[in-house]
């Protein structure tokens, strides 16, 4: 099997796990894999207060690094730009919408949700 295809399938499976995790926590899932020309947002969700843009990172084990560390400044900038695109395309008032950027790190079967990660 093509390695990039396999990585996409694995990534999709863990994004689905993150969606289930968020639903169990009371979030409404608005969009999965919102794409722009230059970036992607893994999950767009709504909680009681915020429209939340969520990046999901997976590592098979702690030996391969902390998945939360994979969301560097460059990645954060791309997510911010994609979030602005999402807000504009869906008709949100950019100035008045409460937004938050979260990261879900999955290591093995452990899920860690960092609210307001950046």
PDB file of N, CA and C in Angstrom:
ATOM      1  N   UNK A   1       0.849  -1.187   0.000  1.00  0.00           N
ATOM      2  CA  UNK A   1       0.000   0.000   0.000  1.00  0.00           C
ATOM      3  C   UNK A   1       0.887   1.241   0.000  1.00  0.00           C
ATOM      4  N   UNK A   2       0.484   2.246  -0.760  1.00  0.00           N
ATOM      5  CA  UNK A   2       1.188   3.517  -0.804  1.00  0.00           C
ATOM      6  C   UNK A   2       1.250   4.096   0.610  1.00  0.00           C
ATOM      7  N   UNK A   3       2.469   4.483   1.042  1.00  0.00           N
ATOM      8  CA  UNK A   3       2.651   4.959   2.421  1.00  0.00           C
ATOM      9  C   UNK A   3       1.835   6.216   2.712  1.00  0.00           C
ATOM     10  N   UNK A   4       1.748   7.147   1.749  1.00  0.00           N
ATOM     11  CA  UNK A   4       0.976   8.369   1.997  1.00  0.00           C
ATOM     12  C   UNK A   4      -0.517   8.066   2.131  1.00  0.00           C
ATOM     13  N   UNK A   5      -1.005   7.103   1.356  1.00  0.00           N
ATOM     14  CA  UNK A   5      -2.406   6.697   1.475  1.00  0.00           C
ATOM     15  C   UNK A   5      -2.657   6.069   2.840  1.00  0.00           C
ATOM     16  N   UNK A   6      -1.733   5.228   3.279  1.00  0.00           N
ATOM     17  CA  UNK A   6      -1.852   4.595   4.589  1.00  0.00           C
ATOM     18  C   UNK A   6      -1.861   5.650   5.697  1.00  0.00           C
ATOM     19  N   UNK A   7      -0.982   6.652   5.607  1.00  0.00           N
ATOM     20  CA  UNK A   7      -0.948   7.719   6.612  1.00  0.00           C
ATOM     21  C   UNK A   7      -2.266   8.491   6.630  1.00  0.00           C
ATOM     22  N   UNK A   8      -2.840   8.729   5.451  1.00  0.00           N
ATOM     23  CA  UNK A   8      -4.124   9.426   5.396  1.00  0.00           C
ATOM     24  C   UNK A   8      -5.224   8.609   6.059  1.00  0.00           C
ATOM     25  N   UNK A   9      -5.224   7.304   5.824  1.00  0.00           N
ATOM     26  CA  UNK A   9      -6.239   6.444   6.442  1.00  0.00           C
ATOM     27  C   UNK A   9      -6.092   6.438   7.958  1.00  0.00           C
ATOM     28  N   UNK A  10      -4.855   6.360   8.428  1.00  0.00           N
ATOM     29  CA  UNK A  10      -4.605   6.388   9.872  1.00  0.00           C
ATOM     30  C   UNK A  10      -5.040   7.735  10.447  1.00  0.00           C
ATOM     31  N   UNK A  11      -4.662   8.823   9.773  1.00  0.00           N
ATOM     32  CA  UNK A  11      -5.054  10.156  10.230  1.00  0.00           C
ATOM     33  C   UNK A  11      -6.559  10.313  10.292  1.00  0.00           C
ATOM     34  N   UNK A  12      -7.250   9.817   9.285  1.00  0.00           N
ATOM     35  CA  UNK A  12      -8.713   9.892   9.250  1.00  0.00           C
ATOM     36  C   UNK A  12      -9.327   9.110  10.412  1.00  0.00           C
ATOM     37  N   UNK A  13      -8.780   7.936  10.699  1.00  0.00           N
ATOM     38  CA  UNK A  13      -9.299   7.126  11.809  1.00  0.00           C
ATOM     39  C   UNK A  13      -9.162   7.873  13.134  1.00  0.00           C
ATOM     40  N   UNK A  14      -8.031   8.543  13.353  1.00  0.00           N
ATOM     41  CA  UNK A  14      -7.835   9.259  14.613  1.00  0.00           C
ATOM     42  C   UNK A  14      -8.623  10.563  14.651  1.00  0.00           C
ATOM     43  N   UNK A  15      -8.841  11.186  13.502  1.00  0.00           N
ATOM     44  CA  UNK A  15      -9.743  12.342  13.474  1.00  0.00           C
ATOM     45  C   UNK A  15     -11.159  11.910  13.851  1.00  0.00           C
ATOM     46  N   UNK A  16     -11.576  10.748  13.375  1.00  0.00           N
ATOM     47  CA  UNK A  16     -12.893  10.218  13.755  1.00  0.00           C
ATOM     48  C   UNK A  16     -12.966   9.951  15.253  1.00  0.00           C
ATOM     49  N   UNK A  17     -11.873   9.449  15.832  1.00  0.00           N
ATOM     50  CA  UNK A  17     -11.830   9.232  17.284  1.00  0.00           C
ATOM     51  C   UNK A  17     -11.957  10.566  18.018  1.00  0.00           C
ATOM     52  N   UNK A  18     -11.301  11.603  17.499  1.00  0.00           N
ATOM     53  CA  UNK A  18     -11.389  12.930  18.112  1.00  0.00           C
ATOM     54  C   UNK A  18     -12.813  13.481  18.011  1.00  0.00           C
ATOM     55  N   UNK A  19     -13.471  13.258  16.879  1.00  0.00           N
ATOM     56  CA  UNK A  19     -14.862  13.695  16.715  1.00  0.00           C
ATOM     57  C   UNK A  19     -15.749  13.018  17.758  1.00  0.00           C
ATOM     58  N   UNK A  20     -15.591  11.718  17.940  1.00  0.00           N
ATOM     59  CA  UNK A  20     -16.378  10.990  18.952  1.00  0.00           C
ATOM     60  C   UNK A  20     -16.101  11.528  20.349  1.00  0.00           C
ATOM     61  N   UNK A  21     -14.832  11.770  20.643  1.00  0.00           N
ATOM     62  CA  UNK A  21     -14.421  12.330  21.929  1.00  0.00           C
ATOM     63  C   UNK A  21     -15.123  13.667  22.169  1.00  0.00           C
ATOM     64  N   UNK A  22     -15.105  14.540  21.165  1.00  0.00           N
ATOM     65  CA  UNK A  22     -15.726  15.862  21.299  1.00  0.00           C
ATOM     66  C   UNK A  22     -17.239  15.764  21.462  1.00  0.00           C
ATOM     67  N   UNK A  23     -17.862  14.892  20.700  1.00  0.00           N
ATOM     68  CA  UNK A  23     -19.320  14.711  20.837  1.00  0.00           C
ATOM     69  C   UNK A  23     -19.670  14.236  22.241  1.00  0.00           C
ATOM     70  N   UNK A  24     -18.868  13.321  22.771  1.00  0.00           N
ATOM     71  CA  UNK A  24     -19.097  12.838  24.135  1.00  0.00           C
ATOM     72  C   UNK A  24     -18.974  13.960  25.160  1.00  0.00           C
ATOM     73  N   UNK A  25     -18.184  14.980  24.837  1.00  0.00           N
ATOM     74  CA  UNK A  25     -17.992  16.127  25.730  1.00  0.00           C
ATOM     75  C   UNK A  25     -19.032  17.227  25.490  1.00  0.00           C
ATOM     76  N   UNK A  26     -19.977  16.984  24.576  1.00  0.00           N
ATOM     77  CA  UNK A  26     -21.054  17.936  24.348  1.00  0.00           C
ATOM     78  C   UNK A  26     -20.855  18.912  23.204  1.00  0.00           C
ATOM     79  N   UNK A  27     -19.810  18.744  22.437  1.00  0.00           N
ATOM     80  CA  UNK A  27     -19.572  19.625  21.294  1.00  0.00           C
ATOM     81  C   UNK A  27     -20.470  19.234  20.124  1.00  0.00           C
ATOM     82  N   UNK A  28     -20.873  20.226  19.350  1.00  0.00           N
ATOM     83  CA  UNK A  28     -21.542  19.986  18.070  1.00  0.00           C
ATOM     84  C   UNK A  28     -20.471  20.085  16.989  1.00  0.00           C
ATOM     85  N   UNK A  29     -20.392  19.095  16.146  1.00  0.00           N
ATOM     86  CA  UNK A  29     -19.400  19.088  15.072  1.00  0.00           C
ATOM     87  C   UNK A  29     -20.020  19.778  13.859  1.00  0.00           C
ATOM     88  N   UNK A  30     -19.384  20.849  13.404  1.00  0.00           N
ATOM     89  CA  UNK A  30     -19.891  21.617  12.275  1.00  0.00           C
ATOM     90  C   UNK A  30     -19.237  21.215  10.961  1.00  0.00           C
ATOM     91  N   UNK A  31     -17.968  20.836  11.026  1.00  0.00           N
ATOM     92  CA  UNK A  31     -17.238  20.524   9.802  1.00  0.00           C
ATOM     93  C   UNK A  31     -16.011  19.688  10.151  1.00  0.00           C
ATOM     94  N   UNK A  32     -15.695  18.757   9.280  1.00  0.00           N
ATOM     95  CA  UNK A  32     -14.469  17.969   9.412  1.00  0.00           C
ATOM     96  C   UNK A  32     -13.675  18.163   8.123  1.00  0.00           C
ATOM     97  N   UNK A  33     -12.389  18.437   8.272  1.00  0.00           N
ATOM     98  CA  UNK A  33     -11.472  18.637   7.148  1.00  0.00           C
ATOM     99  C   UNK A  33     -11.876  19.802   6.245  1.00  0.00           C
ATOM    100  N   UNK A  34     -12.038  20.969   6.848  1.00  0.00           N
ATOM    101  CA  UNK A  34     -12.279  22.182   6.061  1.00  0.00           C
ATOM    102  C   UNK A  34     -10.976  22.555   5.372  1.00  0.00           C
ATOM    103  N   UNK A  35     -11.015  22.650   4.059  1.00  0.00           N
ATOM    104  CA  UNK A  35      -9.797  22.907   3.284  1.00  0.00           C
ATOM    105  C   UNK A  35      -9.846  24.266   2.593  1.00  0.00           C
ATOM    106  N   UNK A  36      -8.695  24.919   2.604  1.00  0.00           N
ATOM    107  CA  UNK A  36      -8.481  26.103   1.783  1.00  0.00           C
ATOM    108  C   UNK A  36      -7.341  25.762   0.828  1.00  0.00           C
ATOM    109  N   UNK A  37      -6.964  26.723   0.038  1.00  0.00           N
ATOM    110  CA  UNK A  37      -5.874  26.481  -0.917  1.00  0.00           C
ATOM    111  C   UNK A  37      -4.560  26.149  -0.206  1.00  0.00           C
ATOM    112  N   UNK A  38      -4.339  26.736   0.954  1.00  0.00           N
ATOM    113  CA  UNK A  38      -3.050  26.602   1.625  1.00  0.00           C
ATOM    114  C   UNK A  38      -3.071  25.824   2.931  1.00  0.00           C
ATOM    115  N   UNK A  39      -4.244  25.502   3.438  1.00  0.00           N
ATOM    116  CA  UNK A  39      -4.286  24.868   4.751  1.00  0.00           C
ATOM    117  C   UNK A  39      -5.566  24.067   4.926  1.00  0.00           C
ATOM    118  N   UNK A  40      -5.647  23.452   6.098  1.00  0.00           N
ATOM    119  CA  UNK A  40      -6.809  22.645   6.445  1.00  0.00           C
ATOM    120  C   UNK A  40      -7.053  22.771   7.942  1.00  0.00           C
ATOM    121  N   UNK A  41      -8.315  22.737   8.307  1.00  0.00           N
ATOM    122  CA  UNK A  41      -8.686  22.646   9.718  1.00  0.00           C
ATOM    123  C   UNK A  41      -9.299  21.272   9.897  1.00  0.00           C
ATOM    124  N   UNK A  42      -8.767  20.510  10.847  1.00  0.00           N
ATOM    125  CA  UNK A  42      -9.239  19.137  11.026  1.00  0.00           C
ATOM    126  C   UNK A  42     -10.700  19.089  11.453  1.00  0.00           C
ATOM    127  N   UNK A  43     -11.052  19.880  12.471  1.00  0.00           N
ATOM    128  CA  UNK A  43     -12.425  19.861  12.993  1.00  0.00           C
ATOM    129  C   UNK A  43     -12.849  21.287  13.343  1.00  0.00           C
ATOM    130  N   UNK A  44     -14.056  21.635  12.949  1.00  0.00           N
ATOM    131  CA  UNK A  44     -14.688  22.873  13.413  1.00  0.00           C
ATOM    132  C   UNK A  44     -15.879  22.430  14.254  1.00  0.00           C
ATOM    133  N   UNK A  45     -15.917  22.912  15.493  1.00  0.00           N
ATOM    134  CA  UNK A  45     -16.967  22.478  16.420  1.00  0.00           C
ATOM    135  C   UNK A  45     -17.513  23.682  17.181  1.00  0.00           C
ATOM    136  N   UNK A  46     -18.620  23.452  17.841  1.00  0.00           N
ATOM    137  CA  UNK A  46     -19.250  24.493  18.650  1.00  0.00           C
ATOM    138  C   UNK A  46     -19.467  23.943  20.049  1.00  0.00           C
ATOM    139  N   UNK A  47     -19.022  24.706  21.060  1.00  0.00           N
ATOM    140  CA  UNK A  47     -19.410  24.360  22.424  1.00  0.00           C
ATOM    141  C   UNK A  47     -20.410  25.413  22.882  1.00  0.00           C
ATOM    142  N   UNK A  48     -20.668  25.510  24.159  1.00  0.00           N
ATOM    143  CA  UNK A  48     -21.689  26.435  24.652  1.00  0.00           C
ATOM    144  C   UNK A  48     -21.335  27.898  24.395  1.00  0.00           C
ATOM    145  N   UNK A  49     -20.052  28.206  24.273  1.00  0.00           N
ATOM    146  CA  UNK A  49     -19.613  29.595  24.149  1.00  0.00           C
ATOM    147  C   UNK A  49     -18.852  29.868  22.854  1.00  0.00           C
ATOM    148  N   UNK A  50     -18.025  28.935  22.439  1.00  0.00           N
ATOM    149  CA  UNK A  50     -17.064  29.190  21.371  1.00  0.00           C
ATOM    150  C   UNK A  50     -17.319  28.390  20.098  1.00  0.00           C
ATOM    151  N   UNK A  51     -16.925  29.005  18.987  1.00  0.00           N
ATOM    152  CA  UNK A  51     -16.712  28.292  17.741  1.00  0.00           C
ATOM    153  C   UNK A  51     -15.253  27.855  17.816  1.00  0.00           C
ATOM    154  N   UNK A  52     -15.007  26.555  17.758  1.00  0.00           N
ATOM    155  CA  UNK A  52     -13.685  26.015  18.064  1.00  0.00           C
ATOM    156  C   UNK A  52     -13.070  25.389  16.815  1.00  0.00           C
ATOM    157  N   UNK A  53     -11.840  25.809  16.527  1.00  0.00           N
ATOM    158  CA  UNK A  53     -11.061  25.248  15.431  1.00  0.00           C
ATOM    159  C   UNK A  53     -10.040  24.305  16.051  1.00  0.00           C
ATOM    160  N   UNK A  54     -10.069  23.046  15.626  1.00  0.00           N
ATOM    161  CA  UNK A  54      -9.311  22.009  16.325  1.00  0.00           C
ATOM    162  C   UNK A  54      -8.355  21.304  15.376  1.00  0.00           C
ATOM    163  N   UNK A  55      -7.105  21.254  15.782  1.00  0.00           N
ATOM    164  CA  UNK A  55      -6.076  20.498  15.071  1.00  0.00           C
ATOM    165  C   UNK A  55      -5.883  19.177  15.811  1.00  0.00           C
ATOM    166  N   UNK A  56      -5.845  18.081  15.073  1.00  0.00           N
ATOM    167  CA  UNK A  56      -5.665  16.753  15.657  1.00  0.00           C
ATOM    168  C   UNK A  56      -4.298  16.224  15.237  1.00  0.00           C
ATOM    169  N   UNK A  57      -3.518  15.788  16.217  1.00  0.00           N
ATOM    170  CA  UNK A  57      -2.205  15.198  15.945  1.00  0.00           C
ATOM    171  C   UNK A  57      -2.116  13.849  16.642  1.00  0.00           C
ATOM    172  N   UNK A  58      -1.567  12.880  15.924  1.00  0.00           N
ATOM    173  CA  UNK A  58      -1.461  11.511  16.439  1.00  0.00           C
ATOM    174  C   UNK A  58      -0.010  11.050  16.403  1.00  0.00           C
ATOM    175  N   UNK A  59       0.378  10.329  17.426  1.00  0.00           N
ATOM    176  CA  UNK A  59       1.658   9.624  17.465  1.00  0.00           C
ATOM    177  C   UNK A  59       1.382   8.234  18.009  1.00  0.00           C
ATOM    178  N   UNK A  60       2.005   7.263  17.400  1.00  0.00           N
ATOM    179  CA  UNK A  60       1.797   5.870  17.800  1.00  0.00           C
ATOM    180  C   UNK A  60       2.242   5.632  19.244  1.00  0.00           C
ATOM    181  N   UNK A  61       3.362   6.247  19.621  1.00  0.00           N
ATOM    182  CA  UNK A  61       3.856   6.077  20.990  1.00  0.00           C
ATOM    183  C   UNK A  61       4.603   7.338  21.405  1.00  0.00           C
ATOM    184  N   UNK A  62       4.840   7.502  22.713  1.00  0.00           N
ATOM    185  CA  UNK A  62       5.590   8.669  23.184  1.00  0.00           C
ATOM    186  C   UNK A  62       7.015   8.714  22.632  1.00  0.00           C
ATOM    187  N   UNK A  63       7.527   7.584  22.208  1.00  0.00           N
ATOM    188  CA  UNK A  63       8.888   7.533  21.661  1.00  0.00           C
ATOM    189  C   UNK A  63       9.023   8.347  20.378  1.00  0.00           C
ATOM    190  N   UNK A  64       7.914   8.537  19.671  1.00  0.00           N
ATOM    191  CA  UNK A  64       7.958   9.294  18.414  1.00  0.00           C
ATOM    192  C   UNK A  64       7.668  10.777  18.626  1.00  0.00           C
ATOM    193  N   UNK A  65       7.609  11.209  19.869  1.00  0.00           N
ATOM    194  CA  UNK A  65       7.419  12.620  20.175  1.00  0.00           C
ATOM    195  C   UNK A  65       6.012  12.939  20.645  1.00  0.00           C
ATOM    196  N   UNK A  66       5.900  14.087  21.270  1.00  0.00           N
ATOM    197  CA  UNK A  66       4.609  14.561  21.755  1.00  0.00           C
ATOM    198  C   UNK A  66       3.833  15.152  20.581  1.00  0.00           C
ATOM    199  N   UNK A  67       2.643  14.661  20.314  1.00  0.00           N
ATOM    200  CA  UNK A  67       1.890  15.177  19.164  1.00  0.00           C
ATOM    201  C   UNK A  67       1.549  16.661  19.295  1.00  0.00           C
ATOM    202  N   UNK A  68       1.429  17.147  20.513  1.00  0.00           N
ATOM    203  CA  UNK A  68       1.078  18.551  20.717  1.00  0.00           C
ATOM    204  C   UNK A  68       2.194  19.482  20.251  1.00  0.00           C
ATOM    205  N   UNK A  69       3.433  18.997  20.284  1.00  0.00           N
ATOM    206  CA  UNK A  69       4.570  19.799  19.848  1.00  0.00           C
ATOM    207  C   UNK A  69       4.624  19.952  18.333  1.00  0.00           C
ATOM    208  N   UNK A  70       3.838  19.188  17.612  1.00  0.00           N
ATOM    209  CA  UNK A  70       3.848  19.244  16.150  1.00  0.00           C
ATOM    210  C   UNK A  70       3.094  20.455  15.606  1.00  0.00           C
ATOM    211  N   UNK A  71       2.386  21.163  16.459  1.00  0.00           N
ATOM    212  CA  UNK A  71       1.643  22.345  16.016  1.00  0.00           C
ATOM    213  C   UNK A  71       2.519  23.569  16.290  1.00  0.00           C
ATOM    214  N   UNK A  72       3.444  23.807  15.360  1.00  0.00           N
ATOM    215  CA  UNK A  72       4.389  24.904  15.516  1.00  0.00           C
ATOM    216  C   UNK A  72       3.776  26.227  15.044  1.00  0.00           C
ATOM    217  N   UNK A  73       4.562  27.288  15.142  1.00  0.00           N
ATOM    218  CA  UNK A  73       4.065  28.625  14.802  1.00  0.00           C
ATOM    219  C   UNK A  73       3.586  28.698  13.352  1.00  0.00           C
ATOM    220  N   UNK A  74       4.325  28.092  12.443  1.00  0.00           N
ATOM    221  CA  UNK A  74       3.934  28.104  11.025  1.00  0.00           C
ATOM    222  C   UNK A  74       2.574  27.427  10.831  1.00  0.00           C
ATOM    223  N   UNK A  75       2.379  26.290  11.489  1.00  0.00           N
ATOM    224  CA  UNK A  75       1.102  25.575  11.405  1.00  0.00           C
ATOM    225  C   UNK A  75      -0.020  26.417  12.018  1.00  0.00           C
ATOM    226  N   UNK A  76       0.264  27.065  13.134  1.00  0.00           N
ATOM    227  CA  UNK A  76      -0.727  27.922  13.779  1.00  0.00           C
ATOM    228  C   UNK A  76      -1.165  29.056  12.850  1.00  0.00           C
ATOM    229  N   UNK A  77      -0.226  29.668  12.153  1.00  0.00           N
ATOM    230  CA  UNK A  77      -0.556  30.749  11.215  1.00  0.00           C
ATOM    231  C   UNK A  77      -1.454  30.240  10.104  1.00  0.00           C
ATOM    232  N   UNK A  78      -1.164  29.062   9.592  1.00  0.00           N
ATOM    233  CA  UNK A  78      -1.998  28.488   8.534  1.00  0.00           C
ATOM    234  C   UNK A  78      -3.413  28.197   9.039  1.00  0.00           C
ATOM    235  N   UNK A  79      -3.504  27.691  10.256  1.00  0.00           N
ATOM    236  CA  UNK A  79      -4.821  27.408  10.834  1.00  0.00           C
ATOM    237  C   UNK A  79      -5.594  28.707  11.046  1.00  0.00           C
ATOM    238  N   UNK A  80      -4.917  29.748  11.527  1.00  0.00           N
ATOM    239  CA  UNK A  80      -5.580  31.047  11.688  1.00  0.00           C
ATOM    240  C   UNK A  80      -6.143  31.542  10.353  1.00  0.00           C
ATOM    241  N   UNK A  81      -5.345  31.436   9.299  1.00  0.00           N
ATOM    242  CA  UNK A  81      -5.800  31.884   7.977  1.00  0.00           C
ATOM    243  C   UNK A  81      -6.995  31.060   7.499  1.00  0.00           C
ATOM    244  N   UNK A  82      -6.939  29.759   7.707  1.00  0.00           N
ATOM    245  CA  UNK A  82      -8.054  28.892   7.309  1.00  0.00           C
ATOM    246  C   UNK A  82      -9.301  29.206   8.134  1.00  0.00           C
ATOM    247  N   UNK A  83      -9.118  29.520   9.410  1.00  0.00           N
ATOM    248  CA  UNK A  83     -10.256  29.876  10.266  1.00  0.00           C
ATOM    249  C   UNK A  83     -10.921  31.156   9.769  1.00  0.00           C
ATOM    250  N   UNK A  84     -10.122  32.136   9.377  1.00  0.00           N
ATOM    251  CA  UNK A  84     -10.677  33.374   8.833  1.00  0.00           C
ATOM    252  C   UNK A  84     -11.471  33.082   7.561  1.00  0.00           C
ATOM    253  N   UNK A  85     -10.936  32.212   6.721  1.00  0.00           N
ATOM    254  CA  UNK A  85     -11.641  31.803   5.505  1.00  0.00           C
ATOM    255  C   UNK A  85     -12.969  31.134   5.851  1.00  0.00           C
ATOM    256  N   UNK A  86     -12.950  30.245   6.833  1.00  0.00           N
ATOM    257  CA  UNK A  86     -14.174  29.556   7.254  1.00  0.00           C
ATOM    258  C   UNK A  86     -15.211  30.562   7.746  1.00  0.00           C
ATOM    259  N   UNK A  87     -14.789  31.447   8.636  1.00  0.00           N
ATOM    260  CA  UNK A  87     -15.710  32.436   9.202  1.00  0.00           C
ATOM    261  C   UNK A  87     -16.345  33.286   8.106  1.00  0.00           C
ATOM    262  N   UNK A  88     -15.526  33.745   7.184  1.00  0.00           N
ATOM    263  CA  UNK A  88     -16.012  34.590   6.096  1.00  0.00           C
ATOM    264  C   UNK A  88     -16.961  33.827   5.183  1.00  0.00           C
ATOM    265  N   UNK A  89     -16.573  32.610   4.817  1.00  0.00           N
ATOM    266  CA  UNK A  89     -17.388  31.830   3.873  1.00  0.00           C
ATOM    267  C   UNK A  89     -18.736  31.419   4.465  1.00  0.00           C
ATOM    268  N   UNK A  90     -18.803  31.291   5.779  1.00  0.00           N
ATOM    269  CA  UNK A  90     -20.049  30.875   6.436  1.00  0.00           C
ATOM    270  C   UNK A  90     -20.875  32.055   6.946  1.00  0.00           C
ATOM    271  N   UNK A  91     -20.395  33.277   6.710  1.00  0.00           N
ATOM    272  CA  UNK A  91     -21.167  34.458   7.075  1.00  0.00           C
ATOM    273  C   UNK A  91     -21.092  34.863   8.538  1.00  0.00           C
ATOM    274  N   UNK A  92     -20.100  34.390   9.264  1.00  0.00           N
ATOM    275  CA  UNK A  92     -19.942  34.796  10.663  1.00  0.00           C
ATOM    276  C   UNK A  92     -19.429  36.230  10.727  1.00  0.00           C
ATOM    277  N   UNK A  93     -19.809  36.945  11.764  1.00  0.00           N
ATOM    278  CA  UNK A  93     -19.249  38.260  12.039  1.00  0.00           C
ATOM    279  C   UNK A  93     -17.900  38.021  12.716  1.00  0.00           C
ATOM    280  N   UNK A  94     -16.841  38.266  11.975  1.00  0.00           N
ATOM    281  CA  UNK A  94     -15.488  37.941  12.446  1.00  0.00           C
ATOM    282  C   UNK A  94     -15.163  38.666  13.744  1.00  0.00           C
ATOM    283  N   UNK A  95     -15.633  39.888  13.879  1.00  0.00           N
ATOM    284  CA  UNK A  95     -15.316  40.688  15.069  1.00  0.00           C
ATOM    285  C   UNK A  95     -16.105  40.258  16.308  1.00  0.00           C
ATOM    286  N   UNK A  96     -17.253  39.643  16.110  1.00  0.00           N
ATOM    287  CA  UNK A  96     -18.137  39.348  17.245  1.00  0.00           C
ATOM    288  C   UNK A  96     -18.273  37.865  17.579  1.00  0.00           C
ATOM    289  N   UNK A  97     -17.664  37.024  16.795  1.00  0.00           N
ATOM    290  CA  UNK A  97     -17.770  35.586  17.043  1.00  0.00           C
ATOM    291  C   UNK A  97     -16.698  35.160  18.037  1.00  0.00           C
ATOM    292  N   UNK A  98     -17.122  34.482  19.090  1.00  0.00           N
ATOM    293  CA  UNK A  98     -16.172  33.949  20.070  1.00  0.00           C
ATOM    294  C   UNK A  98     -15.520  32.708  19.478  1.00  0.00           C
ATOM    295  N   UNK A  99     -14.211  32.795  19.239  1.00  0.00           N
ATOM    296  CA  UNK A  99     -13.509  31.646  18.665  1.00  0.00           C
ATOM    297  C   UNK A  99     -12.392  31.191  19.593  1.00  0.00           C
ATOM    298  N   UNK A 100     -12.000  29.942  19.388  1.00  0.00           N
ATOM    299  CA  UNK A 100     -10.916  29.365  20.183  1.00  0.00           C
ATOM    300  C   UNK A 100     -10.181  28.363  19.294  1.00  0.00           C
ATOM    301  N   UNK A 101      -8.891  28.219  19.544  1.00  0.00           N
ATOM    302  CA  UNK A 101      -8.072  27.259  18.815  1.00  0.00           C
ATOM    303  C   UNK A 101      -7.582  26.196  19.791  1.00  0.00           C
ATOM    304  N   UNK A 102      -7.994  24.966  19.547  1.00  0.00           N
ATOM    305  CA  UNK A 102      -7.640  23.837  20.407  1.00  0.00           C
ATOM    306  C   UNK A 102      -6.759  22.859  19.646  1.00  0.00           C
ATOM    307  N   UNK A 103      -6.072  22.031  20.405  1.00  0.00           N
ATOM    308  CA  UNK A 103      -5.316  20.919  19.829  1.00  0.00           C
ATOM    309  C   UNK A 103      -5.707  19.654  20.575  1.00  0.00           C
ATOM    310  N   UNK A 104      -5.952  18.602  19.821  1.00  0.00           N
ATOM    311  CA  UNK A 104      -6.150  17.283  20.408  1.00  0.00           C
ATOM    312  C   UNK A 104      -4.940  16.453  20.030  1.00  0.00           C
ATOM    313  N   UNK A 105      -4.221  16.007  21.039  1.00  0.00           N
ATOM    314  CA  UNK A 105      -3.062  15.145  20.839  1.00  0.00           C
ATOM    315  C   UNK A 105      -3.425  13.728  21.234  1.00  0.00           C
ATOM    316  N   UNK A 106      -3.154  12.802  20.337  1.00  0.00           N
ATOM    317  CA  UNK A 106      -3.453  11.397  20.603  1.00  0.00           C
ATOM    318  C   UNK A 106      -2.146  10.628  20.559  1.00  0.00           C
ATOM    319  N   UNK A 107      -1.836   9.953  21.657  1.00  0.00           N
ATOM    320  CA  UNK A 107      -0.654   9.104  21.733  1.00  0.00           C
ATOM    321  C   UNK A 107      -1.135   7.718  22.108  1.00  0.00           C
ATOM    322  N   UNK A 108      -0.897   6.766  21.197  1.00  0.00           N
ATOM    323  CA  UNK A 108      -1.462   5.439  21.423  1.00  0.00           C
ATOM    324  C   UNK A 108      -2.968   5.563  21.474  1.00  0.00           C
ATOM    325  N   UNK A 109      -3.557   5.247  22.607  1.00  0.00           N
ATOM    326  CA  UNK A 109      -5.009   5.405  22.762  1.00  0.00           C
ATOM    327  C   UNK A 109      -5.374   6.515  23.748  1.00  0.00           C
ATOM    328  N   UNK A 110      -4.385   7.266  24.185  1.00  0.00           N
ATOM    329  CA  UNK A 110      -4.605   8.365  25.120  1.00  0.00           C
ATOM    330  C   UNK A 110      -4.928   9.649  24.352  1.00  0.00           C
ATOM    331  N   UNK A 111      -6.038  10.304  24.713  1.00  0.00           N
ATOM    332  CA  UNK A 111      -6.452  11.549  24.064  1.00  0.00           C
ATOM    333  C   UNK A 111      -6.292  12.694  25.056  1.00  0.00           C
ATOM    334  N   UNK A 112      -5.560  13.724  24.632  1.00  0.00           N
ATOM    335  CA  UNK A 112      -5.365  14.923  25.442  1.00  0.00           C
ATOM    336  C   UNK A 112      -5.922  16.117  24.665  1.00  0.00           C
ATOM    337  N   UNK A 113      -6.826  16.860  25.297  1.00  0.00           N
ATOM    338  CA  UNK A 113      -7.476  18.004  24.660  1.00  0.00           C
ATOM    339  C   UNK A 113      -6.979  19.278  25.328  1.00  0.00           C
ATOM    340  N   UNK A 114      -6.287  20.111  24.551  1.00  0.00           N
ATOM    341  CA  UNK A 114      -5.786  21.382  25.066  1.00  0.00           C
ATOM    342  C   UNK A 114      -6.675  22.495  24.515  1.00  0.00           C
ATOM    343  N   UNK A 115      -7.465  23.087  25.396  1.00  0.00           N
ATOM    344  CA  UNK A 115      -8.341  24.195  25.005  1.00  0.00           C
ATOM    345  C   UNK A 115      -7.534  25.488  24.979  1.00  0.00           C
ATOM    346  N   UNK A 116      -7.785  26.310  23.971  1.00  0.00           N
ATOM    347  CA  UNK A 116      -7.066  27.582  23.867  1.00  0.00           C
ATOM    348  C   UNK A 116      -5.576  27.378  23.710  1.00  0.00           C
ATOM    349  N   UNK A 117      -5.195  26.407  22.910  1.00  0.00           N
ATOM    350  CA  UNK A 117      -3.784  26.035  22.771  1.00  0.00           C
ATOM    351  C   UNK A 117      -2.941  27.146  22.146  1.00  0.00           C
ATOM    352  N   UNK A 118      -3.564  27.944  21.308  1.00  0.00           N
ATOM    353  CA  UNK A 118      -2.836  29.068  20.687  1.00  0.00           C
ATOM    354  C   UNK A 118      -3.812  30.142  20.258  1.00  0.00           C
TER     355      UNK A 118
END
